[in-house]
Amino acid sequence: MIHLEYILIISAIMMFAGVYGFLTRKSTLAILLSIELMLNSTDINFAAFNRMLYPDGHEGYFFALFSIAISAAESAIAIAIMINIYRMLKDISVGKLEKMKW
């Protein structure tokens, strides 16, 4: 059986990689992938803590499933926005988005 500490270490590494990618990337697609990485690390935490605290319960798994559904909807909306930005500016880098503020 895998210890909870190992799962939490993997989740923390995923979270920090997502934060680093979010803060350093210039492409909106890379930023979206970093956000998805952070959301997936929270899903791992939901499942791990559910198994530790309530071995017979499924609350953590339902929270993780709900979070996956929310992140899928968020990805679909973000990709649609990126497609519209690309149609207007022919580039999806964050530096070119100054035009979209007004």
C-alpha atoms as a PDB file:
ATOM      1  CA  MET A   1       0.000   0.000   0.000  1.00  0.00           C
ATOM      2  CA  ILE A   2       1.269   3.482  -0.858  1.00  0.00           C
ATOM      3  CA  HIS A   3       1.761   5.810   2.090  1.00  0.00           C
ATOM      4  CA  LEU A   4      -0.196   9.043   2.204  1.00  0.00           C
ATOM      5  CA  GLU A   5       3.003  11.087   2.414  1.00  0.00           C
ATOM      6  CA  TYR A   6       4.144   9.905  -1.023  1.00  0.00           C
ATOM      7  CA  ILE A   7       0.840  10.857  -2.591  1.00  0.00           C
ATOM      8  CA  LEU A   8       0.943  14.288  -0.948  1.00  0.00           C
ATOM      9  CA  ILE A   9       4.521  14.834  -2.138  1.00  0.00           C
ATOM     10  CA  ILE A  10       3.509  14.053  -5.724  1.00  0.00           C
ATOM     11  CA  SER A  11       0.524  16.372  -5.388  1.00  0.00           C
ATOM     12  CA  ALA A  12       2.693  19.171  -3.991  1.00  0.00           C
ATOM     13  CA  ILE A  13       5.180  18.778  -6.848  1.00  0.00           C
ATOM     14  CA  MET A  14       2.309  18.986  -9.338  1.00  0.00           C
ATOM     15  CA  MET A  15       0.942  22.094  -7.616  1.00  0.00           C
ATOM     16  CA  PHE A  16       4.289  23.889  -7.591  1.00  0.00           C
ATOM     17  CA  ALA A  17       4.940  22.947 -11.220  1.00  0.00           C
ATOM     18  CA  GLY A  18       1.545  24.414 -12.103  1.00  0.00           C
ATOM     19  CA  VAL A  19       2.200  27.627 -10.175  1.00  0.00           C
ATOM     20  CA  TYR A  20       5.639  27.963 -11.774  1.00  0.00           C
ATOM     21  CA  GLY A  21       4.187  27.400 -15.236  1.00  0.00           C
ATOM     22  CA  PHE A  22       1.392  29.887 -14.597  1.00  0.00           C
ATOM     23  CA  LEU A  23       3.789  32.605 -13.486  1.00  0.00           C
ATOM     24  CA  THR A  24       6.471  32.119 -16.140  1.00  0.00           C
ATOM     25  CA  ARG A  25       4.697  31.172 -19.382  1.00  0.00           C
ATOM     26  CA  LYS A  26       3.768  33.693 -22.066  1.00  0.00           C
ATOM     27  CA  SER A  27       1.345  31.548 -24.066  1.00  0.00           C
ATOM     28  CA  THR A  28      -2.270  31.396 -22.950  1.00  0.00           C
ATOM     29  CA  LEU A  29      -2.403  27.688 -23.819  1.00  0.00           C
ATOM     30  CA  ALA A  30       0.572  26.950 -21.544  1.00  0.00           C
ATOM     31  CA  ILE A  31      -1.083  28.970 -18.777  1.00  0.00           C
ATOM     32  CA  LEU A  32      -4.274  26.944 -19.228  1.00  0.00           C
ATOM     33  CA  LEU A  33      -2.301  23.698 -18.959  1.00  0.00           C
ATOM     34  CA  SER A  34      -0.665  24.982 -15.769  1.00  0.00           C
ATOM     35  CA  ILE A  35      -4.069  25.724 -14.264  1.00  0.00           C
ATOM     36  CA  GLU A  36      -5.218  22.224 -15.182  1.00  0.00           C
ATOM     37  CA  LEU A  37      -2.134  20.784 -13.485  1.00  0.00           C
ATOM     38  CA  MET A  38      -2.998  22.667 -10.290  1.00  0.00           C
ATOM     39  CA  LEU A  39      -6.607  21.444 -10.409  1.00  0.00           C
ATOM     40  CA  ASN A  40      -5.453  17.856 -10.900  1.00  0.00           C
ATOM     41  CA  SER A  41      -3.218  18.102  -7.857  1.00  0.00           C
ATOM     42  CA  THR A  42      -6.231  19.104  -5.765  1.00  0.00           C
ATOM     43  CA  ASP A  43      -8.155  16.123  -7.148  1.00  0.00           C
ATOM     44  CA  ILE A  44      -5.371  13.841  -5.951  1.00  0.00           C
ATOM     45  CA  ASN A  45      -5.605  15.454  -2.508  1.00  0.00           C
ATOM     46  CA  PHE A  46      -9.380  14.922  -2.392  1.00  0.00           C
ATOM     47  CA  ALA A  47      -8.983  11.235  -3.141  1.00  0.00           C
ATOM     48  CA  ALA A  48      -6.023  10.741  -0.781  1.00  0.00           C
ATOM     49  CA  PHE A  49      -7.619  12.442   2.201  1.00  0.00           C
ATOM     50  CA  ASN A  50     -10.889  10.630   1.571  1.00  0.00           C
ATOM     51  CA  ARG A  51      -9.061   7.320   1.714  1.00  0.00           C
ATOM     52  CA  MET A  52      -7.231   8.319   4.894  1.00  0.00           C
ATOM     53  CA  LEU A  53     -10.131   9.866   6.833  1.00  0.00           C
ATOM     54  CA  TYR A  54     -13.148   7.929   5.546  1.00  0.00           C
ATOM     55  CA  PRO A  55     -12.054   4.604   4.032  1.00  0.00           C
ATOM     56  CA  ASP A  56     -15.641   3.457   3.466  1.00  0.00           C
ATOM     57  CA  GLY A  57     -16.971   6.816   2.266  1.00  0.00           C
ATOM     58  CA  HIS A  58     -16.945   8.317  -1.192  1.00  0.00           C
ATOM     59  CA  GLU A  59     -17.206  12.036  -0.451  1.00  0.00           C
ATOM     60  CA  GLY A  60     -13.672  12.864  -1.584  1.00  0.00           C
ATOM     61  CA  TYR A  61     -14.154  10.951  -4.799  1.00  0.00           C
ATOM     62  CA  PHE A  62     -17.357  12.867  -5.526  1.00  0.00           C
ATOM     63  CA  PHE A  63     -15.565  16.164  -4.863  1.00  0.00           C
ATOM     64  CA  ALA A  64     -12.802  15.077  -7.246  1.00  0.00           C
ATOM     65  CA  LEU A  65     -15.350  14.093  -9.889  1.00  0.00           C
ATOM     66  CA  PHE A  66     -17.126  17.428  -9.505  1.00  0.00           C
ATOM     67  CA  SER A  67     -13.795  19.242  -9.783  1.00  0.00           C
ATOM     68  CA  ILE A  68     -12.950  17.323 -12.966  1.00  0.00           C
ATOM     69  CA  ALA A  69     -16.292  18.336 -14.478  1.00  0.00           C
ATOM     70  CA  ILE A  70     -15.698  21.983 -13.546  1.00  0.00           C
ATOM     71  CA  SER A  71     -12.192  21.944 -15.011  1.00  0.00           C
ATOM     72  CA  ALA A  72     -13.483  20.379 -18.243  1.00  0.00           C
ATOM     73  CA  ALA A  73     -16.031  23.179 -18.613  1.00  0.00           C
ATOM     74  CA  GLU A  74     -13.356  25.756 -17.785  1.00  0.00           C
ATOM     75  CA  SER A  75     -11.049  24.296 -20.436  1.00  0.00           C
ATOM     76  CA  ALA A  76     -13.758  24.371 -23.085  1.00  0.00           C
ATOM     77  CA  ILE A  77     -14.558  28.014 -22.379  1.00  0.00           C
ATOM     78  CA  ALA A  78     -10.881  29.005 -22.241  1.00  0.00           C
ATOM     79  CA  ILE A  79     -10.118  27.296 -25.553  1.00  0.00           C
ATOM     80  CA  ALA A  80     -13.088  29.050 -27.155  1.00  0.00           C
ATOM     81  CA  ILE A  81     -11.757  32.380 -25.887  1.00  0.00           C
ATOM     82  CA  MET A  82      -8.294  31.531 -27.220  1.00  0.00           C
ATOM     83  CA  ILE A  83      -9.721  30.726 -30.640  1.00  0.00           C
ATOM     84  CA  ASN A  84     -11.451  34.120 -30.725  1.00  0.00           C
ATOM     85  CA  ILE A  85      -8.260  35.863 -29.629  1.00  0.00           C
ATOM     86  CA  TYR A  86      -6.315  34.077 -32.353  1.00  0.00           C
ATOM     87  CA  ARG A  87      -8.863  35.141 -34.952  1.00  0.00           C
ATOM     88  CA  MET A  88      -8.514  38.780 -33.907  1.00  0.00           C
ATOM     89  CA  LEU A  89      -4.788  39.069 -33.204  1.00  0.00           C
ATOM     90  CA  LYS A  90      -3.235  36.061 -35.029  1.00  0.00           C
ATOM     91  CA  ASP A  91      -1.276  35.313 -31.842  1.00  0.00           C
ATOM     92  CA  ILE A  92      -2.215  33.883 -28.439  1.00  0.00           C
ATOM     93  CA  SER A  93       0.681  35.211 -26.380  1.00  0.00           C
ATOM     94  CA  VAL A  94      -0.162  37.124 -23.229  1.00  0.00           C
ATOM     95  CA  GLY A  95       1.840  40.180 -24.316  1.00  0.00           C
ATOM     96  CA  LYS A  96      -0.485  40.792 -27.274  1.00  0.00           C
ATOM     97  CA  LEU A  97      -3.611  40.886 -25.113  1.00  0.00           C
ATOM     98  CA  GLU A  98      -3.284  44.563 -24.203  1.00  0.00           C
ATOM     99  CA  LYS A  99      -5.685  45.300 -27.055  1.00  0.00           C
ATOM    100  CA  MET A 100      -8.428  43.197 -25.471  1.00  0.00           C
ATOM    101  CA  LYS A 101      -8.618  45.237 -22.243  1.00  0.00           C
ATOM    102  CA  TRP A 102     -10.841  47.942 -23.695  1.00  0.00           C
END
